[in-house]
Amino acid sequence: MPNWITARMNGIELGSTKRDVGYDKETGQLLEDSEECVPDDEYCAVDEKTGNLIRLTLAEKERIFLDALQSYYVNGRQLLPDDQFDLLKEDLSWNGSNFVQMNRNEAKYLAAMESYLKGEPILGDEEFDSLKATLKEEKSRFAVSTEPKCYIDTGICTVTLKEDVFRQNLLYLPVGVILSLIWVTLGFEVIGIFVKINPVIILALGSTLIYEYTKKITEKYIFINNKIVYGPCPSCEAENRVYFGDILGVEGYNDIASIKCKTCKVKFDIQKNSMRASTLPPK
């Protein structure tokens, strides 16, 4: 983003807009079109030095809106007057932006995400994970981003992976099968002395005990603190899968996994608790 946009609107007066402009990544400049921005019909930015009206892209308007929410909810400062904020909110709503439907927790979450990507986190990991869990329970659309997103100002790409429940359950299968066979064999031999009984019934009688010991043995001695996550690479969207935890005493990834995409070879980090995956900042 241009510096004058991300610097809390210093030296800029804000009006109303519903049109977009292009953005040149190489020069970092806005590409204005030939038509003049009309403040009465659009949300415009006015450069106080030149007095020129400049149209903003939807992404830039969303950034200003997010900065205003972050300042109000996190720092207690009001960046925009109420009428300006209402105009901006109306503009975003007209353009179909999801940002205008945020509640306080969602605003705090997005502000924390933006600050984290800038290298200036405003929330600790535990507080962030708790906030994200709350939003997931509320079925918030902002809690999980399954599509990779890249940020021009930081060069970082991020995405939220998913827990691979199917493969994770397969980790318990070997121990479960062995304990089930032992239980049925012993039960059939012992009970069979007195009365013949269907092995299926013997297995059903011991299902709770088998489940508890399968879980205990697997998690304590074989696949320790196990968790499997999968999802698209933040850079190229190729599917990657990561195992967290130790295997038979051999240490693996714990809180953070640093891996290289098998397709594009880009390195990125994955957090175990939040399952957030993000590429490393460019050097």
Protein backbone atom coordinates (compact mmCIF):
# COMPACT_ATOMS: atom_id res chain seq x y z
CA MET A 1 0.00 0.00 0.00
CA PRO A 2 1.18 3.61 -0.57
CA ASN A 3 2.69 5.09 2.58
CA TRP A 4 0.13 7.89 2.80
CA ILE A 5 -2.65 5.29 2.93
CA THR A 6 -1.12 3.10 5.65
CA ALA A 7 0.12 6.00 7.78
CA ARG A 8 -3.22 6.58 9.47
CA MET A 9 -4.39 8.98 6.75
CA ASN A 10 -1.88 11.72 7.72
CA GLY A 11 -2.40 14.77 5.52
CA ILE A 12 -5.45 13.23 3.84
CA GLU A 13 -9.06 14.32 3.93
CA LEU A 14 -11.60 11.60 3.29
CA GLY A 15 -14.83 11.76 1.36
CA SER A 16 -16.92 9.01 -0.35
CA THR A 17 -16.08 6.62 -3.34
CA LYS A 18 -17.37 3.62 -5.24
CA ARG A 19 -14.72 3.33 -7.98
CA ASP A 20 -11.32 1.69 -8.14
CA VAL A 21 -7.88 2.64 -9.37
CA GLY A 22 -4.91 0.49 -10.25
CA TYR A 23 -1.79 0.07 -8.13
CA ASP A 24 1.73 -0.14 -9.55
CA LYS A 25 3.74 -2.62 -7.41
CA GLU A 26 7.08 -1.45 -8.81
CA THR A 27 6.67 2.30 -8.23
CA GLY A 28 4.30 2.07 -5.28
CA GLN A 29 2.06 4.69 -6.91
CA LEU A 30 -1.67 4.85 -7.50
CA LEU A 31 -2.72 4.85 -11.15
CA GLU A 32 -5.47 7.43 -11.52
CA ASP A 33 -7.95 7.18 -14.38
CA SER A 34 -8.90 10.00 -16.68
CA GLU A 35 -12.21 10.82 -14.98
CA GLU A 36 -12.23 13.21 -12.04
CA CYS A 37 -13.35 11.81 -8.71
CA VAL A 38 -16.65 13.35 -7.56
CA PRO A 39 -16.76 13.69 -3.73
CA ASP A 40 -20.54 13.94 -3.64
CA ASP A 41 -20.93 10.60 -5.41
CA GLU A 42 -17.78 8.75 -4.41
CA TYR A 43 -15.53 8.23 -1.42
CA CYS A 44 -12.36 10.10 -2.38
CA ALA A 45 -9.01 10.86 -0.77
CA VAL A 46 -7.80 14.45 -1.05
CA ASP A 47 -4.08 15.16 -1.05
CA GLU A 48 -3.77 18.38 0.96
CA LYS A 49 -0.49 19.27 -0.75
CA THR A 50 -1.89 19.25 -4.28
CA GLY A 51 -5.63 19.38 -3.66
CA ASN A 52 -6.15 16.56 -6.15
CA LEU A 53 -8.93 14.04 -5.61
CA ILE A 54 -7.71 10.45 -5.75
CA ARG A 55 -9.88 7.39 -6.05
CA LEU A 56 -9.16 4.45 -3.76
CA THR A 57 -9.34 0.75 -4.50
CA LEU A 58 -11.65 -1.42 -2.44
CA ALA A 59 -8.63 -2.94 -0.69
CA GLU A 60 -7.37 0.53 0.30
CA LYS A 61 -10.76 1.53 1.65
CA GLU A 62 -10.93 -1.70 3.63
CA ARG A 63 -7.46 -0.96 5.04
CA ILE A 64 -8.55 2.52 6.18
CA PHE A 65 -11.71 1.02 7.69
CA LEU A 66 -9.65 -1.62 9.52
CA ASP A 67 -7.16 0.97 10.79
CA ALA A 68 -10.03 3.04 12.17
CA LEU A 69 -11.52 0.02 13.93
CA GLN A 70 -8.12 -1.05 15.27
CA SER A 71 -7.44 2.40 16.69
CA TYR A 72 -10.88 2.63 18.30
CA TYR A 73 -11.15 -0.88 19.79
CA VAL A 74 -7.50 -1.53 20.64
CA ASN A 75 -6.04 1.92 21.42
CA GLY A 76 -9.21 3.82 22.31
CA ARG A 77 -8.49 6.59 19.75
CA GLN A 78 -10.93 7.76 17.09
CA LEU A 79 -9.18 8.26 13.75
CA LEU A 80 -12.26 9.26 11.76
CA PRO A 81 -15.18 11.50 12.74
CA ASP A 82 -18.49 9.67 12.99
CA ASP A 83 -19.83 11.09 9.74
CA GLN A 84 -16.66 10.15 7.83
CA PHE A 85 -16.68 6.65 9.30
CA ASP A 86 -20.36 6.20 8.40
CA LEU A 87 -19.65 7.30 4.82
CA LEU A 88 -16.78 4.87 4.54
CA LYS A 89 -18.90 2.06 5.98
CA GLU A 90 -21.72 2.85 3.56
CA ASP A 91 -19.28 2.85 0.65
CA LEU A 92 -17.87 -0.55 1.61
CA SER A 93 -21.37 -1.92 2.03
CA TRP A 94 -22.29 -0.64 -1.45
CA ASN A 95 -19.25 -2.45 -2.86
CA GLY A 96 -20.24 -5.72 -1.15
CA SER A 97 -17.34 -5.77 1.33
CA ASN A 98 -17.62 -8.21 4.25
CA PHE A 99 -15.70 -5.82 6.51
CA VAL A 100 -18.79 -3.75 7.34
CA GLN A 101 -20.46 -6.74 9.00
CA MET A 102 -17.75 -7.19 11.64
CA ASN A 103 -18.49 -7.29 15.35
CA ARG A 104 -16.01 -6.19 18.03
CA ASN A 105 -14.25 -9.57 18.29
CA GLU A 106 -13.86 -9.80 14.52
CA ALA A 107 -12.42 -6.30 14.35
CA LYS A 108 -9.95 -7.16 17.11
CA TYR A 109 -9.02 -10.40 15.33
CA LEU A 110 -8.32 -8.74 11.98
CA ALA A 111 -6.37 -5.96 13.68
CA ALA A 112 -4.25 -8.61 15.44
CA MET A 113 -3.66 -10.41 12.14
CA GLU A 114 -2.56 -7.20 10.41
CA SER A 115 -0.22 -6.24 13.27
CA TYR A 116 1.25 -9.74 13.34
CA LEU A 117 2.04 -9.62 9.62
CA LYS A 118 3.73 -6.24 10.11
CA GLY A 119 5.94 -7.77 12.80
CA GLU A 120 4.28 -5.78 15.59
CA PRO A 121 1.90 -8.26 17.34
CA ILE A 122 -0.66 -6.69 19.70
CA LEU A 123 -1.87 -10.01 21.18
CA GLY A 124 -0.02 -12.93 22.72
CA ASP A 125 -0.40 -16.39 21.18
CA GLU A 126 -2.73 -17.63 23.93
CA GLU A 127 -5.00 -14.59 23.72
CA PHE A 128 -5.07 -14.78 19.92
CA ASP A 129 -5.89 -18.50 19.93
CA SER A 130 -8.64 -17.93 22.51
CA LEU A 131 -10.10 -15.12 20.38
CA LYS A 132 -9.99 -17.27 17.25
CA ALA A 133 -11.65 -20.19 19.07
CA THR A 134 -14.45 -17.84 20.15
CA LEU A 135 -14.97 -16.68 16.58
CA LYS A 136 -15.03 -20.27 15.36
CA GLU A 137 -17.77 -21.07 17.86
CA GLU A 138 -19.68 -18.05 16.58
CA LYS A 139 -19.16 -19.38 13.02
CA SER A 140 -17.45 -16.13 12.04
CA ARG A 141 -16.36 -15.91 8.40
CA PHE A 142 -13.20 -14.07 9.51
CA ALA A 143 -11.91 -16.81 11.84
CA VAL A 144 -10.75 -19.12 9.09
CA SER A 145 -9.26 -18.14 5.76
CA THR A 146 -9.00 -21.25 3.61
CA GLU A 147 -7.75 -19.31 0.58
CA PRO A 148 -4.16 -17.98 0.58
CA LYS A 149 -3.81 -14.21 0.93
CA CYS A 150 -0.72 -12.14 0.16
CA TYR A 151 0.00 -8.66 1.49
CA ILE A 152 1.77 -6.12 -0.70
CA ASP A 153 3.22 -4.08 2.17
CA THR A 154 4.87 -7.05 3.93
CA GLY A 155 5.34 -9.57 1.11
CA ILE A 156 3.94 -12.27 3.43
CA CYS A 157 1.35 -14.81 2.28
CA THR A 158 -0.88 -16.55 4.81
CA VAL A 159 -3.62 -19.18 5.00
CA THR A 160 -5.33 -21.28 7.67
CA LEU A 161 -4.92 -25.04 7.34
CA LYS A 162 -7.34 -27.77 8.48
CA GLU A 163 -6.96 -30.66 10.87
CA ASP A 164 -6.73 -34.02 9.08
CA VAL A 165 -9.09 -35.93 11.34
CA PHE A 166 -9.16 -39.06 9.16
CA ARG A 167 -5.40 -39.61 9.08
CA GLN A 168 -5.10 -38.63 12.71
CA ASN A 169 -7.58 -41.35 13.70
CA LEU A 170 -5.56 -43.86 11.68
CA LEU A 171 -2.69 -43.36 14.13
CA TYR A 172 -4.73 -45.18 16.78
CA LEU A 173 -5.60 -48.11 14.51
CA PRO A 174 -2.54 -50.38 15.12
CA VAL A 175 -2.84 -50.31 18.91
CA GLY A 176 -6.61 -50.57 18.72
CA VAL A 177 -6.47 -53.69 16.54
CA ILE A 178 -3.86 -55.37 18.75
CA LEU A 179 -5.77 -54.68 21.99
CA SER A 180 -9.02 -55.82 20.39
CA LEU A 181 -7.49 -59.16 19.34
CA ILE A 182 -5.95 -59.70 22.76
CA TRP A 183 -9.24 -58.89 24.51
CA VAL A 184 -11.33 -61.17 22.28
CA THR A 185 -8.82 -64.03 22.53
CA LEU A 186 -8.51 -63.88 26.31
CA GLY A 187 -12.21 -63.29 26.78
CA PHE A 188 -13.15 -66.22 24.55
CA GLU A 189 -10.70 -68.53 26.30
CA VAL A 190 -11.80 -67.55 29.82
CA ILE A 191 -15.55 -67.24 29.28
CA GLY A 192 -15.56 -70.18 26.86
CA ILE A 193 -14.72 -72.47 29.77
CA PHE A 194 -18.17 -71.84 31.23
CA VAL A 195 -20.34 -70.83 28.29
CA LYS A 196 -20.02 -70.27 24.58
CA ILE A 197 -20.46 -66.60 23.59
CA ASN A 198 -20.22 -64.67 20.35
CA PRO A 199 -16.82 -62.88 19.99
CA VAL A 200 -18.67 -59.76 18.83
CA ILE A 201 -20.40 -59.55 22.21
CA ILE A 202 -17.05 -59.97 23.99
CA LEU A 203 -15.61 -57.15 21.89
CA ALA A 204 -18.59 -54.90 22.66
CA LEU A 205 -18.22 -55.54 26.39
CA GLY A 206 -14.60 -54.41 26.30
CA SER A 207 -14.99 -51.51 23.84
CA THR A 208 -14.73 -48.77 26.46
CA LEU A 209 -11.64 -50.29 28.04
CA ILE A 210 -10.05 -50.88 24.63
CA TYR A 211 -10.71 -47.28 23.59
CA GLU A 212 -9.20 -45.80 26.75
CA TYR A 213 -6.03 -47.88 26.62
CA THR A 214 -5.65 -47.41 22.86
CA LYS A 215 -5.75 -43.65 23.30
CA LYS A 216 -3.43 -43.73 26.31
CA ILE A 217 -0.78 -46.01 24.78
CA THR A 218 -0.82 -44.23 21.40
CA GLU A 219 -0.57 -40.69 22.77
CA LYS A 220 1.89 -41.46 25.58
CA TYR A 221 4.29 -43.93 24.01
CA ILE A 222 3.95 -43.97 20.22
CA PHE A 223 2.49 -40.84 18.57
CA ILE A 224 3.06 -38.30 21.34
CA ASN A 225 1.07 -35.02 21.22
CA ASN A 226 0.00 -35.92 17.71
CA LYS A 227 -1.78 -33.58 15.32
CA ILE A 228 -1.94 -33.70 11.52
CA VAL A 229 -2.86 -30.60 9.50
CA TYR A 230 -3.20 -30.09 5.77
CA GLY A 231 -4.05 -27.38 3.30
CA PRO A 232 -2.76 -25.20 0.46
CA CYS A 233 0.69 -23.68 0.38
CA PRO A 234 0.37 -19.92 1.14
CA SER A 235 2.43 -19.20 -1.96
CA CYS A 236 1.40 -21.63 -4.74
CA GLU A 237 -1.71 -23.33 -3.24
CA ALA A 238 -0.26 -26.84 -3.65
CA GLU A 239 -1.55 -29.14 -0.91
CA ASN A 240 0.86 -29.86 1.93
CA ARG A 241 0.47 -32.04 5.02
CA VAL A 242 2.38 -31.75 8.32
CA TYR A 243 2.61 -33.99 11.37
CA PHE A 244 3.08 -32.37 14.77
CA GLY A 245 4.39 -34.41 17.69
CA ASP A 246 6.96 -37.11 18.48
CA ILE A 247 7.06 -40.68 17.15
CA LEU A 248 8.41 -43.40 19.48
CA GLY A 249 10.54 -40.86 21.32
CA VAL A 250 11.91 -39.25 18.15
CA GLU A 251 11.26 -35.51 18.37
CA GLY A 252 9.18 -33.85 15.68
CA TYR A 253 7.52 -30.48 15.26
CA ASN A 254 6.06 -29.03 18.46
CA ASP A 255 4.46 -25.56 18.50
CA ILE A 256 5.72 -24.35 15.11
CA ALA A 257 6.62 -26.34 12.00
CA SER A 258 9.00 -24.77 9.47
CA ILE A 259 8.68 -26.60 6.16
CA LYS A 260 9.35 -26.12 2.47
CA CYS A 261 6.54 -26.51 -0.06
CA LYS A 262 7.00 -29.71 -2.05
CA THR A 263 5.96 -27.91 -5.25
CA CYS A 264 7.25 -24.32 -5.27
CA LYS A 265 9.99 -24.89 -2.61
CA VAL A 266 8.95 -21.75 -0.69
CA LYS A 267 9.55 -21.96 3.07
CA PHE A 268 6.69 -21.22 5.46
CA ASP A 269 5.80 -21.65 9.13
CA ILE A 270 2.73 -23.40 10.56
CA GLN A 271 1.48 -22.84 14.10
CA LYS A 272 0.10 -25.97 15.75
CA ASN A 273 -2.68 -24.42 17.83
CA SER A 274 -4.10 -21.89 15.37
CA MET A 275 -3.05 -23.86 12.23
CA ARG A 276 -2.00 -20.54 10.66
CA ALA A 277 0.54 -20.92 7.86
CA SER A 278 2.57 -17.93 6.68
CA THR A 279 5.55 -17.47 4.41
CA LEU A 280 8.69 -15.86 5.76
CA PRO A 281 9.24 -12.11 5.21
CA PRO A 282 11.33 -11.42 2.09
CA LYS A 283 14.93 -10.41 2.78
